Amino acid sequence: MPIRTCVGCRVRTVKSDLLRLVVIEGVIVPDPHGRLPGRGAHLHPDPACLELAERRRAFPRAFRLAGPLDTGVLRDRLAASAP
């Protein structure tokens, strides 16, 4: 199984346990099927990992993009899937 690192908590785990993310026009969007073009980053589907990634400013580094990125769509997706 492929191993990836969560950009939030920095824990290495199997790719299937993480949610792939891509940037489309400055907005971070989930890519559950792993088919969207562009550089991807991986995150546990947990709001705590999203908070860590934002606090550490990990998204611009992971995507190799300058400037702030919009996490609204991702935040809504994680809130909807949380128990």
PDB file of N, CA and C in Angstrom:
ATOM      1  N   MET A   1       0.837  -1.187   0.000  1.00  0.00           N
ATOM      2  CA  MET A   1       0.000   0.000   0.000  1.00  0.00           C
ATOM      3  C   MET A   1       0.884   1.253   0.000  1.00  0.00           C
ATOM      4  N   PRO A   2       0.507   2.260  -0.798  1.00  0.00           N
ATOM      5  CA  PRO A   2       1.258   3.516  -0.798  1.00  0.00           C
ATOM      6  C   PRO A   2       1.107   4.252   0.545  1.00  0.00           C
ATOM      7  N   ILE A   3       2.183   4.878   0.973  1.00  0.00           N
ATOM      8  CA  ILE A   3       2.211   5.633   2.228  1.00  0.00           C
ATOM      9  C   ILE A   3       2.277   7.123   1.901  1.00  0.00           C
ATOM     10  N   ARG A   4       1.462   7.915   2.603  1.00  0.00           N
ATOM     11  CA  ARG A   4       1.474   9.374   2.457  1.00  0.00           C
ATOM     12  C   ARG A   4       1.526  10.006   3.849  1.00  0.00           C
ATOM     13  N   THR A   5       1.868  11.290   3.910  1.00  0.00           N
ATOM     14  CA  THR A   5       1.952  12.029   5.159  1.00  0.00           C
ATOM     15  C   THR A   5       0.843  13.071   5.214  1.00  0.00           C
ATOM     16  N   CYS A   6       0.140  13.114   6.332  1.00  0.00           N
ATOM     17  CA  CYS A   6      -0.900  14.122   6.550  1.00  0.00           C
ATOM     18  C   CYS A   6      -0.223  15.486   6.722  1.00  0.00           C
ATOM     19  N   VAL A   7      -0.677  16.500   5.991  1.00  0.00           N
ATOM     20  CA  VAL A   7      -0.069  17.823   6.105  1.00  0.00           C
ATOM     21  C   VAL A   7      -0.402  18.497   7.426  1.00  0.00           C
ATOM     22  N   GLY A   8      -1.418  17.998   8.121  1.00  0.00           N
ATOM     23  CA  GLY A   8      -1.799  18.575   9.410  1.00  0.00           C
ATOM     24  C   GLY A   8      -0.972  18.032  10.554  1.00  0.00           C
ATOM     25  N   CYS A   9      -1.153  16.749  10.846  1.00  0.00           N
ATOM     26  CA  CYS A   9      -0.495  16.147  12.009  1.00  0.00           C
ATOM     27  C   CYS A   9       0.857  15.529  11.686  1.00  0.00           C
ATOM     28  N   ARG A  10       1.212  15.426  10.395  1.00  0.00           N
ATOM     29  CA  ARG A  10       2.497  14.895   9.932  1.00  0.00           C
ATOM     30  C   ARG A  10       2.667  13.409  10.224  1.00  0.00           C
ATOM     31  N   VAL A  11       1.571  12.677  10.414  1.00  0.00           N
ATOM     32  CA  VAL A  11       1.630  11.236  10.637  1.00  0.00           C
ATOM     33  C   VAL A  11       1.614  10.543   9.287  1.00  0.00           C
ATOM     34  N   ARG A  12       2.527   9.578   9.114  1.00  0.00           N
ATOM     35  CA  ARG A  12       2.583   8.803   7.877  1.00  0.00           C
ATOM     36  C   ARG A  12       1.632   7.616   8.013  1.00  0.00           C
ATOM     37  N   THR A  13       0.778   7.438   7.008  1.00  0.00           N
ATOM     38  CA  THR A  13      -0.182   6.345   7.029  1.00  0.00           C
ATOM     39  C   THR A  13      -0.507   5.924   5.601  1.00  0.00           C
ATOM     40  N   VAL A  14      -1.310   4.887   5.456  1.00  0.00           N
ATOM     41  CA  VAL A  14      -1.661   4.415   4.116  1.00  0.00           C
ATOM     42  C   VAL A  14      -2.535   5.457   3.416  1.00  0.00           C
ATOM     43  N   LYS A  15      -2.363   5.538   2.135  1.00  0.00           N
ATOM     44  CA  LYS A  15      -3.044   6.541   1.316  1.00  0.00           C
ATOM     45  C   LYS A  15      -4.566   6.467   1.448  1.00  0.00           C
ATOM     46  N   SER A  16      -5.100   5.269   1.617  1.00  0.00           N
ATOM     47  CA  SER A  16      -6.548   5.105   1.683  1.00  0.00           C
ATOM     48  C   SER A  16      -7.172   5.705   2.943  1.00  0.00           C
ATOM     49  N   ASP A  17      -6.378   5.965   3.984  1.00  0.00           N
ATOM     50  CA  ASP A  17      -6.886   6.583   5.214  1.00  0.00           C
ATOM     51  C   ASP A  17      -6.919   8.102   5.137  1.00  0.00           C
ATOM     52  N   LEU A  18      -6.338   8.678   4.081  1.00  0.00           N
ATOM     53  CA  LEU A  18      -6.233  10.125   3.954  1.00  0.00           C
ATOM     54  C   LEU A  18      -7.114  10.644   2.831  1.00  0.00           C
ATOM     55  N   LEU A  19      -7.440  11.922   2.903  1.00  0.00           N
ATOM     56  CA  LEU A  19      -8.217  12.593   1.874  1.00  0.00           C
ATOM     57  C   LEU A  19      -7.259  13.401   1.006  1.00  0.00           C
ATOM     58  N   ARG A  20      -7.293  13.178  -0.303  1.00  0.00           N
ATOM     59  CA  ARG A  20      -6.427  13.930  -1.215  1.00  0.00           C
ATOM     60  C   ARG A  20      -7.049  15.292  -1.468  1.00  0.00           C
ATOM     61  N   LEU A  21      -6.229  16.311  -1.504  1.00  0.00           N
ATOM     62  CA  LEU A  21      -6.667  17.682  -1.733  1.00  0.00           C
ATOM     63  C   LEU A  21      -5.922  18.248  -2.932  1.00  0.00           C
ATOM     64  N   VAL A  22      -6.596  19.112  -3.681  1.00  0.00           N
ATOM     65  CA  VAL A  22      -5.963  19.843  -4.774  1.00  0.00           C
ATOM     66  C   VAL A  22      -6.436  21.288  -4.711  1.00  0.00           C
ATOM     67  N   VAL A  23      -5.723  22.168  -5.399  1.00  0.00           N
ATOM     68  CA  VAL A  23      -6.103  23.584  -5.454  1.00  0.00           C
ATOM     69  C   VAL A  23      -6.656  23.885  -6.838  1.00  0.00           C
ATOM     70  N   ILE A  24      -7.858  24.454  -6.854  1.00  0.00           N
ATOM     71  CA  ILE A  24      -8.487  24.895  -8.099  1.00  0.00           C
ATOM     72  C   ILE A  24      -8.824  26.370  -7.939  1.00  0.00           C
ATOM     73  N   GLU A  25      -8.121  27.209  -8.686  1.00  0.00           N
ATOM     74  CA  GLU A  25      -8.311  28.665  -8.662  1.00  0.00           C
ATOM     75  C   GLU A  25      -8.257  29.236  -7.247  1.00  0.00           C
ATOM     76  N   GLY A  26      -7.253  28.827  -6.485  1.00  0.00           N
ATOM     77  CA  GLY A  26      -7.034  29.372  -5.154  1.00  0.00           C
ATOM     78  C   GLY A  26      -7.896  28.769  -4.061  1.00  0.00           C
ATOM     79  N   VAL A  27      -8.691  27.756  -4.379  1.00  0.00           N
ATOM     80  CA  VAL A  27      -9.563  27.109  -3.407  1.00  0.00           C
ATOM     81  C   VAL A  27      -9.109  25.659  -3.226  1.00  0.00           C
ATOM     82  N   ILE A  28      -8.915  25.256  -1.970  1.00  0.00           N
ATOM     83  CA  ILE A  28      -8.550  23.868  -1.685  1.00  0.00           C
ATOM     84  C   ILE A  28      -9.820  23.032  -1.708  1.00  0.00           C
ATOM     85  N   VAL A  29      -9.845  22.036  -2.580  1.00  0.00           N
ATOM     86  CA  VAL A  29     -11.023  21.178  -2.703  1.00  0.00           C
ATOM     87  C   VAL A  29     -10.628  19.723  -2.479  1.00  0.00           C
ATOM     88  N   PRO A  30     -11.531  18.942  -1.894  1.00  0.00           N
ATOM     89  CA  PRO A  30     -11.247  17.516  -1.726  1.00  0.00           C
ATOM     90  C   PRO A  30     -11.308  16.788  -3.057  1.00  0.00           C
ATOM     91  N   ASP A  31     -10.491  15.778  -3.191  1.00  0.00           N
ATOM     92  CA  ASP A  31     -10.451  14.944  -4.388  1.00  0.00           C
ATOM     93  C   ASP A  31     -10.568  13.487  -3.945  1.00  0.00           C
ATOM     94  N   PRO A  32     -11.783  13.049  -3.579  1.00  0.00           N
ATOM     95  CA  PRO A  32     -11.937  11.714  -3.001  1.00  0.00           C
ATOM     96  C   PRO A  32     -11.571  10.579  -3.954  1.00  0.00           C
ATOM     97  N   HIS A  33     -11.690  10.798  -5.253  1.00  0.00           N
ATOM     98  CA  HIS A  33     -11.382   9.743  -6.209  1.00  0.00           C
ATOM     99  C   HIS A  33      -9.939   9.814  -6.718  1.00  0.00           C
ATOM    100  N   GLY A  34      -9.204  10.883  -6.373  1.00  0.00           N
ATOM    101  CA  GLY A  34      -7.803  11.007  -6.756  1.00  0.00           C
ATOM    102  C   GLY A  34      -7.575  11.213  -8.237  1.00  0.00           C
ATOM    103  N   ARG A  35      -8.520  11.854  -8.910  1.00  0.00           N
ATOM    104  CA  ARG A  35      -8.412  12.003 -10.359  1.00  0.00           C
ATOM    105  C   ARG A  35      -8.268  13.444 -10.837  1.00  0.00           C
ATOM    106  N   LEU A  36      -8.407  14.405  -9.945  1.00  0.00           N
ATOM    107  CA  LEU A  36      -8.294  15.798 -10.377  1.00  0.00           C
ATOM    108  C   LEU A  36      -6.836  16.117 -10.698  1.00  0.00           C
ATOM    109  N   PRO A  37      -6.623  16.956 -11.709  1.00  0.00           N
ATOM    110  CA  PRO A  37      -5.246  17.298 -12.075  1.00  0.00           C
ATOM    111  C   PRO A  37      -4.616  18.255 -11.067  1.00  0.00           C
ATOM    112  N   GLY A  38      -3.321  18.281 -11.047  1.00  0.00           N
ATOM    113  CA  GLY A  38      -2.594  19.215 -10.197  1.00  0.00           C
ATOM    114  C   GLY A  38      -1.888  18.511  -9.059  1.00  0.00           C
ATOM    115  N   ARG A  39      -1.084  19.291  -8.370  1.00  0.00           N
ATOM    116  CA  ARG A  39      -0.318  18.775  -7.242  1.00  0.00           C
ATOM    117  C   ARG A  39      -1.267  18.481  -6.092  1.00  0.00           C
ATOM    118  N   GLY A  40      -1.140  17.334  -5.506  1.00  0.00           N
ATOM    119  CA  GLY A  40      -2.019  16.945  -4.411  1.00  0.00           C
ATOM    120  C   GLY A  40      -1.318  16.990  -3.069  1.00  0.00           C
ATOM    121  N   ALA A  41      -2.127  17.116  -2.026  1.00  0.00           N
ATOM    122  CA  ALA A  41      -1.671  17.013  -0.649  1.00  0.00           C
ATOM    123  C   ALA A  41      -2.673  16.107   0.056  1.00  0.00           C
ATOM    124  N   HIS A  42      -2.258  15.509   1.146  1.00  0.00           N
ATOM    125  CA  HIS A  42      -3.124  14.568   1.842  1.00  0.00           C
ATOM    126  C   HIS A  42      -3.366  15.020   3.275  1.00  0.00           C
ATOM    127  N   LEU A  43      -4.593  14.752   3.749  1.00  0.00           N
ATOM    128  CA  LEU A  43      -5.014  15.196   5.074  1.00  0.00           C
ATOM    129  C   LEU A  43      -5.951  14.152   5.651  1.00  0.00           C
ATOM    130  N   HIS A  44      -5.829  13.892   6.966  1.00  0.00           N
ATOM    131  CA  HIS A  44      -6.822  13.031   7.610  1.00  0.00           C
ATOM    132  C   HIS A  44      -8.183  13.740   7.522  1.00  0.00           C
ATOM    133  N   PRO A  45      -9.253  13.019   7.287  1.00  0.00           N
ATOM    134  CA  PRO A  45     -10.574  13.660   7.214  1.00  0.00           C
ATOM    135  C   PRO A  45     -11.083  14.021   8.607  1.00  0.00           C
ATOM    136  N   ASP A  46     -10.350  14.880   9.283  1.00  0.00           N
ATOM    137  CA  ASP A  46     -10.620  15.258  10.659  1.00  0.00           C
ATOM    138  C   ASP A  46     -10.416  16.773  10.795  1.00  0.00           C
ATOM    139  N   PRO A  47     -11.394  17.494  11.360  1.00  0.00           N
ATOM    140  CA  PRO A  47     -11.230  18.950  11.518  1.00  0.00           C
ATOM    141  C   PRO A  47      -9.990  19.336  12.337  1.00  0.00           C
ATOM    142  N   ALA A  48      -9.558  18.483  13.254  1.00  0.00           N
ATOM    143  CA  ALA A  48      -8.369  18.796  14.058  1.00  0.00           C
ATOM    144  C   ALA A  48      -7.119  18.865  13.180  1.00  0.00           C
ATOM    145  N   CYS A  49      -7.009  17.961  12.217  1.00  0.00           N
ATOM    146  CA  CYS A  49      -5.855  17.996  11.311  1.00  0.00           C
ATOM    147  C   CYS A  49      -5.916  19.225  10.407  1.00  0.00           C
ATOM    148  N   LEU A  50      -7.115  19.621  10.003  1.00  0.00           N
ATOM    149  CA  LEU A  50      -7.255  20.844   9.207  1.00  0.00           C
ATOM    150  C   LEU A  50      -6.794  22.056  10.011  1.00  0.00           C
ATOM    151  N   GLU A  51      -7.178  22.119  11.278  1.00  0.00           N
ATOM    152  CA  GLU A  51      -6.751  23.229  12.144  1.00  0.00           C
ATOM    153  C   GLU A  51      -5.228  23.262  12.275  1.00  0.00           C
ATOM    154  N   LEU A  52      -4.619  22.106  12.477  1.00  0.00           N
ATOM    155  CA  LEU A  52      -3.154  22.041  12.575  1.00  0.00           C
ATOM    156  C   LEU A  52      -2.482  22.520  11.294  1.00  0.00           C
ATOM    157  N   ALA A  53      -3.009  22.081  10.163  1.00  0.00           N
ATOM    158  CA  ALA A  53      -2.411  22.475   8.881  1.00  0.00           C
ATOM    159  C   ALA A  53      -2.518  23.984   8.672  1.00  0.00           C
ATOM    160  N   GLU A  54      -3.650  24.557   9.037  1.00  0.00           N
ATOM    161  CA  GLU A  54      -3.813  26.014   8.887  1.00  0.00           C
ATOM    162  C   GLU A  54      -2.897  26.759   9.845  1.00  0.00           C
ATOM    163  N   ARG A  55      -2.808  26.296  11.071  1.00  0.00           N
ATOM    164  CA  ARG A  55      -1.969  26.972  12.063  1.00  0.00           C
ATOM    165  C   ARG A  55      -0.498  26.911  11.674  1.00  0.00           C
ATOM    166  N   ARG A  56      -0.066  25.785  11.100  1.00  0.00           N
ATOM    167  CA  ARG A  56       1.325  25.615  10.686  1.00  0.00           C
ATOM    168  C   ARG A  56       1.599  26.218   9.317  1.00  0.00           C
ATOM    169  N   ARG A  57       0.578  26.724   8.649  1.00  0.00           N
ATOM    170  CA  ARG A  57       0.682  27.272   7.290  1.00  0.00           C
ATOM    171  C   ARG A  57       1.277  26.225   6.347  1.00  0.00           C
ATOM    172  N   ALA A  58       0.754  25.016   6.437  1.00  0.00           N
ATOM    173  CA  ALA A  58       1.299  23.896   5.678  1.00  0.00           C
ATOM    174  C   ALA A  58       0.781  23.844   4.243  1.00  0.00           C
ATOM    175  N   PHE A  59      -0.408  24.388   3.979  1.00  0.00           N
ATOM    176  CA  PHE A  59      -0.978  24.253   2.644  1.00  0.00           C
ATOM    177  C   PHE A  59      -0.169  24.960   1.559  1.00  0.00           C
ATOM    178  N   PRO A  60       0.251  26.212   1.731  1.00  0.00           N
ATOM    179  CA  PRO A  60       1.073  26.825   0.672  1.00  0.00           C
ATOM    180  C   PRO A  60       2.368  26.060   0.390  1.00  0.00           C
ATOM    181  N   ARG A  61       2.972  25.494   1.435  1.00  0.00           N
ATOM    182  CA  ARG A  61       4.189  24.699   1.230  1.00  0.00           C
ATOM    183  C   ARG A  61       3.880  23.397   0.507  1.00  0.00           C
ATOM    184  N   ALA A  62       2.813  22.737   0.910  1.00  0.00           N
ATOM    185  CA  ALA A  62       2.478  21.442   0.307  1.00  0.00           C
ATOM    186  C   ALA A  62       2.125  21.587  -1.170  1.00  0.00           C
ATOM    187  N   PHE A  63       1.411  22.659  -1.505  1.00  0.00           N
ATOM    188  CA  PHE A  63       1.003  22.861  -2.894  1.00  0.00           C
ATOM    189  C   PHE A  63       2.024  23.670  -3.694  1.00  0.00           C
ATOM    190  N   ARG A  64       3.056  24.172  -3.000  1.00  0.00           N
ATOM    191  CA  ARG A  64       4.085  25.012  -3.622  1.00  0.00           C
ATOM    192  C   ARG A  64       3.471  26.223  -4.304  1.00  0.00           C
ATOM    193  N   LEU A  65       2.575  26.894  -3.570  1.00  0.00           N
ATOM    194  CA  LEU A  65       1.919  28.101  -4.052  1.00  0.00           C
ATOM    195  C   LEU A  65       2.112  29.209  -3.027  1.00  0.00           C
ATOM    196  N   ALA A  66       2.228  30.425  -3.508  1.00  0.00           N
ATOM    197  CA  ALA A  66       2.369  31.563  -2.610  1.00  0.00           C
ATOM    198  C   ALA A  66       0.993  32.126  -2.285  1.00  0.00           C
ATOM    199  N   GLY A  67       0.907  32.734  -1.116  1.00  0.00           N
ATOM    200  CA  GLY A  67      -0.328  33.411  -0.746  1.00  0.00           C
ATOM    201  C   GLY A  67      -1.314  32.530  -0.014  1.00  0.00           C
ATOM    202  N   PRO A  68      -2.342  33.155   0.523  1.00  0.00           N
ATOM    203  CA  PRO A  68      -3.356  32.398   1.271  1.00  0.00           C
ATOM    204  C   PRO A  68      -4.248  31.595   0.325  1.00  0.00           C
ATOM    205  N   LEU A  69      -4.696  30.452   0.814  1.00  0.00           N
ATOM    206  CA  LEU A  69      -5.586  29.595   0.048  1.00  0.00           C
ATOM    207  C   LEU A  69      -6.907  29.472   0.809  1.00  0.00           C
ATOM    208  N   ASP A  70      -8.007  29.413   0.081  1.00  0.00           N
ATOM    209  CA  ASP A  70      -9.331  29.338   0.683  1.00  0.00           C
ATOM    210  C   ASP A  70      -9.633  27.902   1.103  1.00  0.00           C
ATOM    211  N   THR A  71      -9.949  27.702   2.386  1.00  0.00           N
ATOM    212  CA  THR A  71     -10.261  26.369   2.894  1.00  0.00           C
ATOM    213  C   THR A  71     -11.739  26.194   3.191  1.00  0.00           C
ATOM    214  N   GLY A  72     -12.581  27.105   2.756  1.00  0.00           N
ATOM    215  CA  GLY A  72     -14.011  27.056   3.061  1.00  0.00           C
ATOM    216  C   GLY A  72     -14.695  25.791   2.584  1.00  0.00           C
ATOM    217  N   VAL A  73     -14.450  25.383   1.345  1.00  0.00           N
ATOM    218  CA  VAL A  73     -15.074  24.183   0.790  1.00  0.00           C
ATOM    219  C   VAL A  73     -14.617  22.954   1.574  1.00  0.00           C
ATOM    220  N   LEU A  74     -13.338  22.881   1.871  1.00  0.00           N
ATOM    221  CA  LEU A  74     -12.791  21.752   2.621  1.00  0.00           C
ATOM    222  C   LEU A  74     -13.369  21.718   4.034  1.00  0.00           C
ATOM    223  N   ARG A  75     -13.452  22.864   4.678  1.00  0.00           N
ATOM    224  CA  ARG A  75     -13.994  22.943   6.038  1.00  0.00           C
ATOM    225  C   ARG A  75     -15.446  22.460   6.064  1.00  0.00           C
ATOM    226  N   ASP A  76     -16.240  22.868   5.064  1.00  0.00           N
ATOM    227  CA  ASP A  76     -17.642  22.438   4.985  1.00  0.00           C
ATOM    228  C   ASP A  76     -17.724  20.926   4.783  1.00  0.00           C
ATOM    229  N   ARG A  77     -16.862  20.384   3.960  1.00  0.00           N
ATOM    230  CA  ARG A  77     -16.873  18.936   3.683  1.00  0.00           C
ATOM    231  C   ARG A  77     -16.525  18.152   4.945  1.00  0.00           C
ATOM    232  N   LEU A  78     -15.522  18.603   5.697  1.00  0.00           N
ATOM    233  CA  LEU A  78     -15.141  17.894   6.913  1.00  0.00           C
ATOM    234  C   LEU A  78     -16.196  18.032   8.000  1.00  0.00           C
ATOM    235  N   ALA A  79     -16.852  19.183   8.082  1.00  0.00           N
ATOM    236  CA  ALA A  79     -17.914  19.371   9.071  1.00  0.00           C
ATOM    237  C   ALA A  79     -19.116  18.487   8.765  1.00  0.00           C
ATOM    238  N   ALA A  80     -19.414  18.301   7.484  1.00  0.00           N
ATOM    239  CA  ALA A  80     -20.552  17.473   7.095  1.00  0.00           C
ATOM    240  C   ALA A  80     -20.292  15.992   7.363  1.00  0.00           C
ATOM    241  N   SER A  81     -19.037  15.570   7.261  1.00  0.00           N
ATOM    242  CA  SER A  81     -18.726  14.149   7.440  1.00  0.00           C
ATOM    243  C   SER A  81     -18.400  13.811   8.896  1.00  0.00           C
ATOM    244  N   ALA A  82     -18.258  14.815   9.760  1.00  0.00           N
ATOM    245  CA  ALA A  82     -17.945  14.558  11.171  1.00  0.00           C
ATOM    246  C   ALA A  82     -19.196  14.030  11.886  1.00  0.00           C
ATOM    247  N   PRO A  83     -19.007  13.102  12.828  1.00  0.00           N
ATOM    248  CA  PRO A  83     -20.161  12.538  13.541  1.00  0.00           C
ATOM    249  C   PRO A  83     -20.825  13.518  14.468  1.00  0.00           C
TER     250      PRO A  83
END
